[in-house]
Amino acid sequence: MPKFRGGRAPAVQSAKAVEPTAGTHRHRLAALIADMIPGARTLRVSQREPGRSWPSPYARAYDAQGQLIALNRPQGMTAARWVIRAHPDVTWEEAYDLDLATGTLRPAGAYAATGGGR
């Protein structure tokens, strides 16, 4: 029998506790991005940077009042890549907004239609 520190074997975690759900992943991603971009409330992600003709992950961050938060290139590209990779089922032909409070991703056009457009 193997010896364990403290004389006890570690408790076995259930598979349910080890494997997070999609909702947990969504909230975790939003929390990581919010930590990386302090003050950000919404992240707009697209595959095209304005002024460029080739695809490149691109993100813009906005605060709770809808004011643009300046991102440096590595921040924007990293955040965009994380969101794009976390949502492989989305076709990235248009921009999407990630709500950093809820982790909800929706088309940027839908956000503009509800009066929150930029």
N, C-alpha and C. Protein backbone atom coordinates (compact mmCIF):
# COMPACT_ATOMS: atom_id res chain seq x y z
N MET A 1 0.85 -1.19 0.00
CA MET A 1 0.00 0.00 0.00
C MET A 1 0.89 1.24 0.00
N PRO A 2 0.62 2.19 -0.89
CA PRO A 2 1.47 3.39 -0.95
C PRO A 2 1.30 4.26 0.28
N LYS A 3 2.40 4.89 0.63
CA LYS A 3 2.38 5.82 1.77
C LYS A 3 2.04 7.22 1.28
N PHE A 4 1.14 7.90 1.96
CA PHE A 4 0.75 9.25 1.61
C PHE A 4 1.12 10.19 2.74
N ARG A 5 1.45 11.40 2.39
CA ARG A 5 1.76 12.41 3.39
C ARG A 5 0.55 12.59 4.30
N GLY A 6 0.75 12.53 5.58
CA GLY A 6 -0.35 12.68 6.52
C GLY A 6 -1.05 11.36 6.81
N GLY A 7 -0.60 10.27 6.19
CA GLY A 7 -1.17 8.97 6.48
C GLY A 7 -2.48 8.66 5.77
N ARG A 8 -2.99 9.57 4.97
CA ARG A 8 -4.27 9.34 4.28
C ARG A 8 -4.10 9.48 2.78
N ALA A 9 -4.89 8.74 2.07
CA ALA A 9 -4.93 8.87 0.62
C ALA A 9 -5.75 10.12 0.28
N PRO A 10 -5.38 10.83 -0.78
CA PRO A 10 -6.17 12.00 -1.16
C PRO A 10 -7.58 11.60 -1.57
N ALA A 11 -8.53 12.47 -1.26
CA ALA A 11 -9.92 12.20 -1.62
C ALA A 11 -10.08 12.17 -3.13
N VAL A 12 -10.88 11.27 -3.61
CA VAL A 12 -11.14 11.16 -5.04
C VAL A 12 -12.23 12.14 -5.41
N GLN A 13 -11.96 12.97 -6.43
CA GLN A 13 -12.96 13.92 -6.89
C GLN A 13 -13.86 13.25 -7.91
N SER A 14 -15.11 13.62 -7.88
CA SER A 14 -16.04 13.06 -8.87
C SER A 14 -15.72 13.63 -10.24
N ALA A 15 -16.09 12.90 -11.28
CA ALA A 15 -15.86 13.36 -12.65
C ALA A 15 -16.61 14.66 -12.92
N LYS A 16 -17.74 14.84 -12.27
CA LYS A 16 -18.53 16.05 -12.46
C LYS A 16 -17.76 17.29 -11.97
N ALA A 17 -17.03 17.14 -10.89
CA ALA A 17 -16.27 18.27 -10.35
C ALA A 17 -15.03 18.57 -11.18
N VAL A 18 -14.48 17.55 -11.83
CA VAL A 18 -13.26 17.73 -12.60
C VAL A 18 -13.53 18.35 -13.96
N GLU A 19 -14.62 17.95 -14.60
CA GLU A 19 -14.91 18.44 -15.95
C GLU A 19 -15.90 19.60 -15.89
N PRO A 20 -15.43 20.83 -16.11
CA PRO A 20 -16.34 21.98 -16.05
C PRO A 20 -17.31 22.00 -17.23
N THR A 21 -18.42 22.64 -17.01
CA THR A 21 -19.45 22.74 -18.05
C THR A 21 -19.12 23.89 -18.99
N ALA A 22 -19.87 23.97 -20.07
CA ALA A 22 -19.67 25.04 -21.05
C ALA A 22 -19.89 26.41 -20.41
N GLY A 23 -20.87 26.50 -19.51
CA GLY A 23 -21.13 27.77 -18.83
C GLY A 23 -19.95 28.21 -17.98
N THR A 24 -19.32 27.24 -17.33
CA THR A 24 -18.15 27.55 -16.51
C THR A 24 -17.00 28.04 -17.38
N HIS A 25 -16.80 27.39 -18.52
CA HIS A 25 -15.75 27.83 -19.45
C HIS A 25 -16.01 29.26 -19.92
N ARG A 26 -17.27 29.55 -20.23
CA ARG A 26 -17.65 30.87 -20.73
C ARG A 26 -17.35 31.94 -19.68
N HIS A 27 -17.73 31.67 -18.43
CA HIS A 27 -17.50 32.65 -17.36
C HIS A 27 -16.01 32.79 -17.05
N ARG A 28 -15.30 31.68 -17.12
CA ARG A 28 -13.86 31.72 -16.84
C ARG A 28 -13.13 32.54 -17.90
N LEU A 29 -13.48 32.33 -19.16
CA LEU A 29 -12.87 33.11 -20.24
C LEU A 29 -13.15 34.60 -20.05
N ALA A 30 -14.39 34.94 -19.75
CA ALA A 30 -14.75 36.35 -19.55
C ALA A 30 -13.98 36.94 -18.37
N ALA A 31 -13.81 36.17 -17.29
CA ALA A 31 -13.07 36.65 -16.13
C ALA A 31 -11.59 36.86 -16.46
N LEU A 32 -11.01 35.94 -17.22
CA LEU A 32 -9.59 36.08 -17.61
C LEU A 32 -9.37 37.32 -18.47
N ILE A 33 -10.29 37.55 -19.40
CA ILE A 33 -10.15 38.73 -20.27
C ILE A 33 -10.37 40.01 -19.47
N ALA A 34 -11.35 39.99 -18.55
CA ALA A 34 -11.59 41.17 -17.71
C ALA A 34 -10.37 41.48 -16.84
N ASP A 35 -9.66 40.45 -16.37
CA ASP A 35 -8.43 40.67 -15.61
C ASP A 35 -7.32 41.24 -16.48
N MET A 36 -7.28 40.80 -17.73
CA MET A 36 -6.24 41.25 -18.65
C MET A 36 -6.49 42.70 -19.10
N ILE A 37 -7.78 43.09 -19.17
CA ILE A 37 -8.14 44.44 -19.63
C ILE A 37 -8.99 45.10 -18.54
N PRO A 38 -8.36 45.70 -17.53
CA PRO A 38 -9.11 46.30 -16.42
C PRO A 38 -10.09 47.37 -16.91
N GLY A 39 -11.29 47.34 -16.35
CA GLY A 39 -12.32 48.32 -16.69
C GLY A 39 -13.17 47.94 -17.88
N ALA A 40 -12.81 46.89 -18.58
CA ALA A 40 -13.57 46.49 -19.78
C ALA A 40 -14.86 45.79 -19.38
N ARG A 41 -15.91 46.09 -20.10
CA ARG A 41 -17.21 45.46 -19.89
C ARG A 41 -17.60 44.61 -21.11
N THR A 42 -17.20 45.05 -22.30
CA THR A 42 -17.53 44.36 -23.55
C THR A 42 -16.28 44.26 -24.41
N LEU A 43 -16.14 43.12 -25.06
CA LEU A 43 -15.03 42.92 -25.99
C LEU A 43 -15.62 42.61 -27.35
N ARG A 44 -15.31 43.43 -28.34
CA ARG A 44 -15.77 43.19 -29.71
C ARG A 44 -14.65 42.47 -30.47
N VAL A 45 -14.98 41.30 -30.99
CA VAL A 45 -13.99 40.43 -31.64
C VAL A 45 -14.37 40.22 -33.09
N SER A 46 -13.36 40.27 -33.96
CA SER A 46 -13.59 39.99 -35.38
C SER A 46 -12.33 39.37 -35.98
N GLN A 47 -12.47 38.88 -37.20
CA GLN A 47 -11.34 38.30 -37.91
C GLN A 47 -10.65 39.33 -38.80
N ARG A 48 -11.18 40.54 -38.86
CA ARG A 48 -10.57 41.56 -39.73
C ARG A 48 -10.28 42.83 -38.93
N GLU A 49 -9.04 43.21 -38.99
CA GLU A 49 -8.65 44.48 -38.39
C GLU A 49 -9.01 45.58 -39.38
N PRO A 50 -9.62 46.68 -38.91
CA PRO A 50 -9.96 47.77 -39.83
C PRO A 50 -8.73 48.24 -40.60
N GLY A 51 -8.91 48.42 -41.89
CA GLY A 51 -7.82 48.89 -42.73
C GLY A 51 -6.94 47.79 -43.29
N ARG A 52 -7.26 46.55 -42.98
CA ARG A 52 -6.47 45.43 -43.51
C ARG A 52 -7.38 44.55 -44.35
N SER A 53 -6.82 43.98 -45.40
CA SER A 53 -7.63 43.15 -46.29
C SER A 53 -7.50 41.66 -45.99
N TRP A 54 -6.57 41.27 -45.15
CA TRP A 54 -6.39 39.85 -44.84
C TRP A 54 -6.92 39.57 -43.43
N PRO A 55 -7.33 38.33 -43.17
CA PRO A 55 -7.85 38.00 -41.85
C PRO A 55 -6.76 38.04 -40.78
N SER A 56 -7.10 38.59 -39.65
CA SER A 56 -6.21 38.66 -38.50
C SER A 56 -7.08 38.85 -37.26
N PRO A 57 -6.91 38.05 -36.21
CA PRO A 57 -7.73 38.23 -35.00
C PRO A 57 -7.61 39.66 -34.48
N TYR A 58 -8.74 40.27 -34.16
CA TYR A 58 -8.76 41.67 -33.75
C TYR A 58 -9.82 41.86 -32.67
N ALA A 59 -9.50 42.66 -31.67
CA ALA A 59 -10.46 42.93 -30.59
C ALA A 59 -10.38 44.40 -30.19
N ARG A 60 -11.53 44.93 -29.80
CA ARG A 60 -11.65 46.26 -29.22
C ARG A 60 -12.40 46.11 -27.91
N ALA A 61 -11.99 46.83 -26.89
CA ALA A 61 -12.63 46.74 -25.58
C ALA A 61 -13.37 48.04 -25.28
N TYR A 62 -14.49 47.89 -24.59
CA TYR A 62 -15.32 49.04 -24.20
C TYR A 62 -15.65 48.94 -22.72
N ASP A 63 -15.76 50.09 -22.05
CA ASP A 63 -16.14 50.10 -20.65
C ASP A 63 -17.66 50.08 -20.52
N ALA A 64 -18.17 50.18 -19.30
CA ALA A 64 -19.62 50.10 -19.05
C ALA A 64 -20.39 51.23 -19.72
N GLN A 65 -19.75 52.38 -19.97
CA GLN A 65 -20.42 53.51 -20.63
C GLN A 65 -20.27 53.45 -22.15
N GLY A 66 -19.60 52.44 -22.66
CA GLY A 66 -19.44 52.31 -24.10
C GLY A 66 -18.24 53.05 -24.66
N GLN A 67 -17.37 53.54 -23.78
CA GLN A 67 -16.17 54.25 -24.22
C GLN A 67 -15.07 53.26 -24.57
N LEU A 68 -14.37 53.52 -25.65
CA LEU A 68 -13.30 52.66 -26.11
C LEU A 68 -12.14 52.65 -25.11
N ILE A 69 -11.64 51.46 -24.81
CA ILE A 69 -10.46 51.31 -23.96
C ILE A 69 -9.29 50.94 -24.88
N ALA A 70 -8.22 51.68 -24.77
CA ALA A 70 -7.06 51.43 -25.64
C ALA A 70 -6.40 50.10 -25.28
N LEU A 71 -6.16 49.29 -26.30
CA LEU A 71 -5.46 48.02 -26.14
C LEU A 71 -4.17 48.07 -26.96
N ASN A 72 -3.12 47.47 -26.43
CA ASN A 72 -1.94 47.33 -27.27
C ASN A 72 -2.15 46.11 -28.17
N ARG A 73 -1.35 45.98 -29.18
CA ARG A 73 -1.55 44.90 -30.17
C ARG A 73 -1.54 43.51 -29.54
N PRO A 74 -0.59 43.18 -28.65
CA PRO A 74 -0.62 41.84 -28.05
C PRO A 74 -1.88 41.57 -27.23
N GLN A 75 -2.36 42.57 -26.48
CA GLN A 75 -3.59 42.39 -25.71
C GLN A 75 -4.76 42.08 -26.63
N GLY A 76 -4.94 42.89 -27.65
CA GLY A 76 -6.06 42.71 -28.57
C GLY A 76 -6.00 41.39 -29.31
N MET A 77 -4.83 41.04 -29.78
CA MET A 77 -4.70 39.80 -30.53
C MET A 77 -4.89 38.57 -29.63
N THR A 78 -4.33 38.61 -28.42
CA THR A 78 -4.48 37.49 -27.49
C THR A 78 -5.93 37.30 -27.09
N ALA A 79 -6.60 38.38 -26.72
CA ALA A 79 -8.00 38.29 -26.32
C ALA A 79 -8.86 37.77 -27.48
N ALA A 80 -8.62 38.28 -28.67
CA ALA A 80 -9.38 37.82 -29.84
C ALA A 80 -9.14 36.34 -30.11
N ARG A 81 -7.90 35.91 -30.04
CA ARG A 81 -7.60 34.48 -30.26
C ARG A 81 -8.28 33.60 -29.23
N TRP A 82 -8.28 34.01 -27.96
CA TRP A 82 -8.93 33.21 -26.92
C TRP A 82 -10.41 33.06 -27.21
N VAL A 83 -11.06 34.16 -27.56
CA VAL A 83 -12.51 34.10 -27.83
C VAL A 83 -12.79 33.26 -29.06
N ILE A 84 -12.03 33.45 -30.13
CA ILE A 84 -12.26 32.69 -31.36
C ILE A 84 -12.05 31.20 -31.12
N ARG A 85 -11.02 30.84 -30.39
CA ARG A 85 -10.76 29.42 -30.10
C ARG A 85 -11.79 28.82 -29.15
N ALA A 86 -12.34 29.63 -28.27
CA ALA A 86 -13.34 29.13 -27.33
C ALA A 86 -14.71 28.94 -27.97
N HIS A 87 -14.91 29.51 -29.16
CA HIS A 87 -16.19 29.41 -29.86
C HIS A 87 -15.97 28.91 -31.29
N PRO A 88 -15.57 27.64 -31.44
CA PRO A 88 -15.28 27.11 -32.78
C PRO A 88 -16.51 26.97 -33.66
N ASP A 89 -17.69 26.96 -33.06
CA ASP A 89 -18.93 26.80 -33.82
C ASP A 89 -19.39 28.09 -34.50
N VAL A 90 -18.79 29.22 -34.16
CA VAL A 90 -19.19 30.52 -34.70
C VAL A 90 -18.47 30.77 -36.02
N THR A 91 -19.23 31.28 -37.00
CA THR A 91 -18.59 31.72 -38.24
C THR A 91 -18.18 33.18 -38.03
N TRP A 92 -16.93 33.47 -38.18
CA TRP A 92 -16.39 34.77 -37.83
C TRP A 92 -16.36 35.73 -39.00
N GLU A 93 -17.40 35.69 -39.85
CA GLU A 93 -17.49 36.62 -40.98
C GLU A 93 -17.90 38.01 -40.53
N GLU A 94 -18.48 38.11 -39.35
CA GLU A 94 -18.88 39.40 -38.80
C GLU A 94 -18.32 39.53 -37.39
N ALA A 95 -18.40 40.72 -36.81
CA ALA A 95 -17.91 40.95 -35.46
C ALA A 95 -18.90 40.43 -34.43
N TYR A 96 -18.37 40.01 -33.29
CA TYR A 96 -19.19 39.54 -32.18
C TYR A 96 -18.77 40.28 -30.92
N ASP A 97 -19.74 40.49 -30.02
CA ASP A 97 -19.48 41.13 -28.74
C ASP A 97 -19.53 40.09 -27.63
N LEU A 98 -18.50 40.09 -26.79
CA LEU A 98 -18.46 39.23 -25.61
C LEU A 98 -18.73 40.10 -24.40
N ASP A 99 -19.82 39.81 -23.69
CA ASP A 99 -20.15 40.52 -22.46
C ASP A 99 -19.27 39.93 -21.36
N LEU A 100 -18.37 40.71 -20.80
CA LEU A 100 -17.43 40.19 -19.82
C LEU A 100 -18.06 39.96 -18.45
N ALA A 101 -19.27 40.45 -18.22
CA ALA A 101 -19.95 40.19 -16.96
C ALA A 101 -20.66 38.84 -16.97
N THR A 102 -21.21 38.47 -18.13
CA THR A 102 -21.99 37.23 -18.22
C THR A 102 -21.32 36.15 -19.04
N GLY A 103 -20.36 36.52 -19.87
CA GLY A 103 -19.71 35.55 -20.76
C GLY A 103 -20.51 35.26 -22.01
N THR A 104 -21.55 36.04 -22.27
CA THR A 104 -22.42 35.83 -23.43
C THR A 104 -21.78 36.42 -24.68
N LEU A 105 -21.78 35.63 -25.75
CA LEU A 105 -21.27 36.09 -27.04
C LEU A 105 -22.44 36.24 -27.99
N ARG A 106 -22.54 37.41 -28.62
CA ARG A 106 -23.61 37.62 -29.60
C ARG A 106 -23.11 38.53 -30.71
N PRO A 107 -23.76 38.44 -31.88
CA PRO A 107 -23.32 39.28 -33.01
C PRO A 107 -23.35 40.76 -32.63
N ALA A 108 -22.36 41.50 -33.08
CA ALA A 108 -22.27 42.93 -32.78
C ALA A 108 -23.48 43.67 -33.32
N GLY A 109 -24.03 43.23 -34.44
CA GLY A 109 -25.22 43.85 -35.01
C GLY A 109 -26.42 43.72 -34.09
N ALA A 110 -26.53 42.61 -33.36
CA ALA A 110 -27.63 42.42 -32.42
C ALA A 110 -27.50 43.39 -31.26
N TYR A 111 -26.28 43.67 -30.82
CA TYR A 111 -26.06 44.61 -29.74
C TYR A 111 -26.44 46.02 -30.18
N ALA A 112 -26.08 46.38 -31.39
CA ALA A 112 -26.42 47.71 -31.91
C ALA A 112 -27.92 47.87 -32.06
N ALA A 113 -28.62 46.80 -32.42
CA ALA A 113 -30.07 46.86 -32.60
C ALA A 113 -30.80 47.08 -31.29
N THR A 114 -30.20 46.71 -30.15
CA THR A 114 -30.85 46.89 -28.86
C THR A 114 -30.52 48.23 -28.23
N GLY A 115 -29.83 49.10 -28.96
CA GLY A 115 -29.53 50.43 -28.45
C GLY A 115 -28.19 50.53 -27.77
N GLY A 116 -27.38 49.48 -27.82
CA GLY A 116 -26.08 49.53 -27.17
C GLY A 116 -24.95 49.67 -28.16
N GLY A 117 -25.27 50.03 -29.39
CA GLY A 117 -24.24 50.10 -30.44
C GLY A 117 -23.22 51.17 -30.21
N ARG A 118 -22.11 51.00 -30.89
CA ARG A 118 -21.02 51.96 -30.74
C ARG A 118 -20.77 52.62 -32.04
